[in-house]
Amino acid sequence: FRIRNECGFAVELAQAQSTCFCTTTTVSDGRVIEPGETLEVPVHLDTGESDSRLTGRLNLFCRKAGSTSPPSFFQSLRVAVRIEPDYRLEKR
C-alpha cells in the first residue's frame, strides 16, 4: 500500500495493528510522514493452508508529529485474496 499525508502538518505513525495473525507489516511505529510525503506500507497476508477467500485488515493509528497524546485518527488497510488451488480432486 502507498499512503500520502494530505494534512498541513507532519503525522506520526503511532502504531500499526493487525486485526488477525495472518496480516503483518514491517512499517515501524514512530515513523514521521511530512506533509505531501508518501509512505510505502508493505503488507503480508499469510494464506497458510487456506483454499478459499481470505481477508485481513491492518489499522494504522496516527497523531500529529511531536504530540504525546493518544492517536487521534487512523487509516484502515484491507487486504483480500481469493485462493485458487493449482489442482482439482475428482471422486471416481
N, C-alpha and C. Protein backbone atom coordinates (compact mmCIF):
# COMPACT_ATOMS: atom_id res chain seq x y z
N PHE A 1 0.83 -1.18 0.00
CA PHE A 1 0.00 0.00 0.00
C PHE A 1 0.87 1.23 0.00
N ARG A 2 0.35 2.30 -0.52
CA ARG A 2 1.04 3.59 -0.52
C ARG A 2 0.05 4.60 0.05
N ILE A 3 0.44 5.29 1.13
CA ILE A 3 -0.41 6.32 1.70
C ILE A 3 0.31 7.66 1.61
N ARG A 4 -0.47 8.72 1.46
CA ARG A 4 0.09 10.07 1.32
C ARG A 4 -0.48 10.96 2.41
N ASN A 5 0.37 11.75 3.05
CA ASN A 5 -0.06 12.69 4.07
C ASN A 5 -0.62 13.93 3.39
N GLU A 6 -1.92 14.09 3.45
CA GLU A 6 -2.60 15.24 2.85
C GLU A 6 -2.88 16.33 3.90
N CYS A 7 -2.40 16.13 5.14
CA CYS A 7 -2.58 17.13 6.20
C CYS A 7 -1.60 18.28 5.99
N GLY A 8 -1.82 19.38 6.62
CA GLY A 8 -0.92 20.51 6.55
C GLY A 8 0.17 20.45 7.61
N PHE A 9 0.31 19.31 8.27
CA PHE A 9 1.30 19.12 9.33
C PHE A 9 1.86 17.70 9.25
N ALA A 10 3.02 17.50 9.88
CA ALA A 10 3.64 16.18 9.90
C ALA A 10 2.83 15.23 10.79
N VAL A 11 2.73 13.98 10.35
CA VAL A 11 1.96 12.96 11.06
C VAL A 11 2.90 11.85 11.50
N GLU A 12 2.69 11.37 12.72
CA GLU A 12 3.49 10.26 13.25
C GLU A 12 2.65 8.99 13.25
N LEU A 13 3.23 7.91 12.76
CA LEU A 13 2.58 6.61 12.84
C LEU A 13 2.82 6.09 14.25
N ALA A 14 1.79 6.13 15.09
CA ALA A 14 1.93 5.73 16.49
C ALA A 14 1.93 4.22 16.64
N GLN A 15 1.10 3.54 15.84
CA GLN A 15 1.02 2.08 15.97
C GLN A 15 0.40 1.47 14.72
N ALA A 16 0.96 0.36 14.28
CA ALA A 16 0.35 -0.44 13.21
C ALA A 16 -0.18 -1.69 13.88
N GLN A 17 -1.47 -1.95 13.72
CA GLN A 17 -2.10 -3.05 14.44
C GLN A 17 -2.94 -3.89 13.47
N SER A 18 -2.71 -5.20 13.50
CA SER A 18 -3.46 -6.11 12.65
C SER A 18 -4.68 -6.62 13.40
N THR A 19 -5.72 -6.94 12.66
CA THR A 19 -6.93 -7.50 13.27
C THR A 19 -6.88 -9.02 13.33
N CYS A 20 -5.81 -9.61 12.76
CA CYS A 20 -5.66 -11.07 12.79
C CYS A 20 -4.17 -11.41 12.75
N PHE A 21 -3.86 -12.67 12.93
CA PHE A 21 -2.46 -13.09 12.90
C PHE A 21 -1.92 -13.30 11.50
N CYS A 22 -2.81 -13.32 10.51
CA CYS A 22 -2.39 -13.59 9.14
C CYS A 22 -1.89 -12.34 8.41
N THR A 23 -2.20 -11.14 8.92
CA THR A 23 -1.82 -9.89 8.25
C THR A 23 -0.75 -9.18 9.06
N THR A 24 0.39 -8.89 8.43
CA THR A 24 1.50 -8.24 9.12
C THR A 24 2.11 -7.16 8.23
N THR A 25 2.89 -6.28 8.87
CA THR A 25 3.64 -5.26 8.14
C THR A 25 4.99 -5.06 8.82
N THR A 26 5.93 -4.52 8.07
CA THR A 26 7.24 -4.21 8.63
C THR A 26 7.42 -2.71 8.82
N VAL A 27 6.37 -1.92 8.56
CA VAL A 27 6.47 -0.47 8.77
C VAL A 27 6.63 -0.23 10.27
N SER A 28 7.52 0.68 10.63
CA SER A 28 7.85 0.86 12.05
C SER A 28 7.04 1.97 12.71
N ASP A 29 6.65 1.72 13.96
CA ASP A 29 5.98 2.73 14.76
C ASP A 29 6.94 3.90 14.97
N GLY A 30 6.40 5.10 15.08
CA GLY A 30 7.23 6.28 15.28
C GLY A 30 7.66 6.95 13.98
N ARG A 31 7.33 6.37 12.87
CA ARG A 31 7.69 6.92 11.57
C ARG A 31 6.94 8.22 11.35
N VAL A 32 7.65 9.28 10.98
CA VAL A 32 7.03 10.59 10.73
C VAL A 32 6.86 10.77 9.22
N ILE A 33 5.66 11.18 8.85
CA ILE A 33 5.34 11.41 7.44
C ILE A 33 5.08 12.91 7.28
N GLU A 34 5.94 13.58 6.56
CA GLU A 34 5.83 15.02 6.35
C GLU A 34 4.66 15.33 5.40
N PRO A 35 4.15 16.58 5.45
CA PRO A 35 3.06 16.95 4.54
C PRO A 35 3.45 16.69 3.08
N GLY A 36 2.57 16.03 2.36
CA GLY A 36 2.83 15.71 0.95
C GLY A 36 3.68 14.47 0.73
N GLU A 37 4.30 13.94 1.78
CA GLU A 37 5.15 12.76 1.65
C GLU A 37 4.30 11.50 1.51
N THR A 38 4.84 10.55 0.77
CA THR A 38 4.19 9.26 0.57
C THR A 38 4.95 8.19 1.34
N LEU A 39 4.22 7.31 1.99
CA LEU A 39 4.82 6.22 2.75
C LEU A 39 4.40 4.89 2.15
N GLU A 40 5.38 4.05 1.84
CA GLU A 40 5.11 2.69 1.37
C GLU A 40 4.86 1.83 2.60
N VAL A 41 3.73 1.11 2.61
CA VAL A 41 3.38 0.23 3.72
C VAL A 41 3.34 -1.20 3.19
N PRO A 42 4.42 -1.96 3.40
CA PRO A 42 4.41 -3.34 2.94
C PRO A 42 3.48 -4.17 3.82
N VAL A 43 2.60 -4.94 3.19
CA VAL A 43 1.65 -5.77 3.92
C VAL A 43 1.80 -7.21 3.45
N HIS A 44 1.88 -8.13 4.40
CA HIS A 44 2.00 -9.55 4.09
C HIS A 44 0.75 -10.27 4.60
N LEU A 45 0.13 -11.05 3.74
CA LEU A 45 -1.04 -11.85 4.12
C LEU A 45 -0.64 -13.31 4.00
N ASP A 46 -0.55 -13.98 5.14
CA ASP A 46 -0.18 -15.40 5.19
C ASP A 46 -1.42 -16.24 4.95
N THR A 47 -1.47 -16.93 3.82
CA THR A 47 -2.64 -17.72 3.46
C THR A 47 -2.65 -19.10 4.10
N GLY A 48 -1.51 -19.54 4.62
CA GLY A 48 -1.44 -20.83 5.29
C GLY A 48 -2.01 -21.96 4.45
N GLU A 49 -2.89 -22.73 5.02
CA GLU A 49 -3.49 -23.87 4.34
C GLU A 49 -4.82 -23.53 3.69
N SER A 50 -5.19 -22.27 3.70
CA SER A 50 -6.49 -21.85 3.18
C SER A 50 -6.61 -22.14 1.68
N ASP A 51 -7.79 -22.51 1.26
CA ASP A 51 -8.04 -22.73 -0.17
C ASP A 51 -9.33 -22.03 -0.60
N SER A 52 -9.58 -20.89 0.02
CA SER A 52 -10.79 -20.13 -0.31
C SER A 52 -10.47 -18.64 -0.26
N ARG A 53 -11.46 -17.83 0.04
CA ARG A 53 -11.27 -16.38 0.16
C ARG A 53 -10.75 -16.03 1.55
N LEU A 54 -9.81 -15.12 1.63
CA LEU A 54 -9.20 -14.73 2.89
C LEU A 54 -9.07 -13.21 2.92
N THR A 55 -9.41 -12.59 4.05
CA THR A 55 -9.35 -11.15 4.20
C THR A 55 -8.61 -10.80 5.48
N GLY A 56 -7.74 -9.80 5.41
CA GLY A 56 -7.04 -9.31 6.60
C GLY A 56 -7.14 -7.80 6.63
N ARG A 57 -7.01 -7.23 7.80
CA ARG A 57 -7.10 -5.77 7.95
C ARG A 57 -5.94 -5.29 8.81
N LEU A 58 -5.37 -4.18 8.41
CA LEU A 58 -4.28 -3.55 9.14
C LEU A 58 -4.69 -2.11 9.43
N ASN A 59 -4.69 -1.72 10.70
CA ASN A 59 -5.05 -0.35 11.09
C ASN A 59 -3.79 0.42 11.44
N LEU A 60 -3.63 1.60 10.88
CA LEU A 60 -2.50 2.48 11.17
C LEU A 60 -3.03 3.63 12.03
N PHE A 61 -2.61 3.68 13.29
CA PHE A 61 -3.04 4.72 14.21
C PHE A 61 -2.03 5.86 14.18
N CYS A 62 -2.52 7.08 13.94
CA CYS A 62 -1.64 8.24 13.74
C CYS A 62 -2.00 9.39 14.67
N ARG A 63 -1.05 10.30 14.81
CA ARG A 63 -1.27 11.54 15.56
C ARG A 63 -0.34 12.61 14.99
N LYS A 64 -0.58 13.84 15.37
CA LYS A 64 0.27 14.94 14.93
C LYS A 64 1.69 14.69 15.45
N ALA A 65 2.68 14.81 14.59
CA ALA A 65 4.07 14.55 14.97
C ALA A 65 4.49 15.46 16.12
N GLY A 66 5.21 14.92 17.08
CA GLY A 66 5.67 15.67 18.24
C GLY A 66 4.70 15.66 19.39
N SER A 67 3.49 15.15 19.17
CA SER A 67 2.48 15.10 20.21
C SER A 67 2.67 13.85 21.07
N THR A 68 2.32 13.95 22.34
CA THR A 68 2.37 12.78 23.23
C THR A 68 0.97 12.27 23.54
N SER A 69 -0.03 12.89 22.92
CA SER A 69 -1.41 12.47 23.15
C SER A 69 -1.68 11.14 22.44
N PRO A 70 -2.73 10.45 22.85
CA PRO A 70 -3.09 9.20 22.16
C PRO A 70 -3.39 9.48 20.69
N PRO A 71 -3.23 8.47 19.83
CA PRO A 71 -3.55 8.66 18.41
C PRO A 71 -4.98 9.18 18.24
N SER A 72 -5.16 10.13 17.34
CA SER A 72 -6.47 10.76 17.17
C SER A 72 -7.17 10.36 15.87
N PHE A 73 -6.49 9.64 15.00
CA PHE A 73 -7.12 9.17 13.77
C PHE A 73 -6.38 7.94 13.27
N PHE A 74 -7.03 7.20 12.39
CA PHE A 74 -6.39 6.01 11.85
C PHE A 74 -6.76 5.81 10.39
N GLN A 75 -5.95 5.00 9.74
CA GLN A 75 -6.19 4.59 8.36
C GLN A 75 -6.31 3.08 8.37
N SER A 76 -7.37 2.55 7.80
CA SER A 76 -7.58 1.11 7.76
C SER A 76 -7.25 0.59 6.37
N LEU A 77 -6.37 -0.41 6.29
CA LEU A 77 -5.98 -1.02 5.03
C LEU A 77 -6.56 -2.43 4.98
N ARG A 78 -7.29 -2.77 3.94
CA ARG A 78 -7.92 -4.08 3.82
C ARG A 78 -7.25 -4.86 2.70
N VAL A 79 -6.86 -6.09 3.02
CA VAL A 79 -6.22 -6.97 2.06
C VAL A 79 -7.13 -8.18 1.86
N ALA A 80 -7.46 -8.48 0.63
CA ALA A 80 -8.33 -9.64 0.35
C ALA A 80 -7.76 -10.43 -0.81
N VAL A 81 -7.81 -11.75 -0.69
CA VAL A 81 -7.36 -12.62 -1.76
C VAL A 81 -8.36 -13.75 -1.95
N ARG A 82 -8.43 -14.23 -3.16
CA ARG A 82 -9.20 -15.43 -3.44
C ARG A 82 -8.20 -16.46 -3.92
N ILE A 83 -8.07 -17.54 -3.17
CA ILE A 83 -7.05 -18.54 -3.45
C ILE A 83 -7.62 -19.59 -4.40
N GLU A 84 -6.94 -19.78 -5.51
CA GLU A 84 -7.32 -20.78 -6.49
C GLU A 84 -6.29 -21.91 -6.43
N PRO A 85 -6.68 -23.09 -5.93
CA PRO A 85 -5.74 -24.21 -5.89
C PRO A 85 -5.25 -24.55 -7.30
N ASP A 86 -4.01 -25.00 -7.41
CA ASP A 86 -3.46 -25.38 -8.72
C ASP A 86 -3.73 -26.86 -9.01
N TYR A 87 -4.68 -27.44 -8.28
CA TYR A 87 -5.06 -28.84 -8.51
C TYR A 87 -6.55 -29.02 -8.24
N ARG A 88 -7.12 -30.05 -8.76
CA ARG A 88 -8.51 -30.42 -8.53
C ARG A 88 -8.58 -31.92 -8.23
N LEU A 89 -9.35 -32.28 -7.24
CA LEU A 89 -9.55 -33.68 -6.90
C LEU A 89 -10.92 -34.12 -7.39
N GLU A 90 -10.95 -35.24 -8.05
CA GLU A 90 -12.21 -35.79 -8.51
C GLU A 90 -12.44 -37.15 -7.88
N LYS A 91 -13.66 -37.37 -7.43
CA LYS A 91 -14.01 -38.65 -6.83
C LYS A 91 -14.52 -39.56 -7.94
N ARG A 92 -14.00 -40.76 -8.00
CA ARG A 92 -14.44 -41.73 -9.03
C ARG A 92 -15.23 -42.83 -8.43
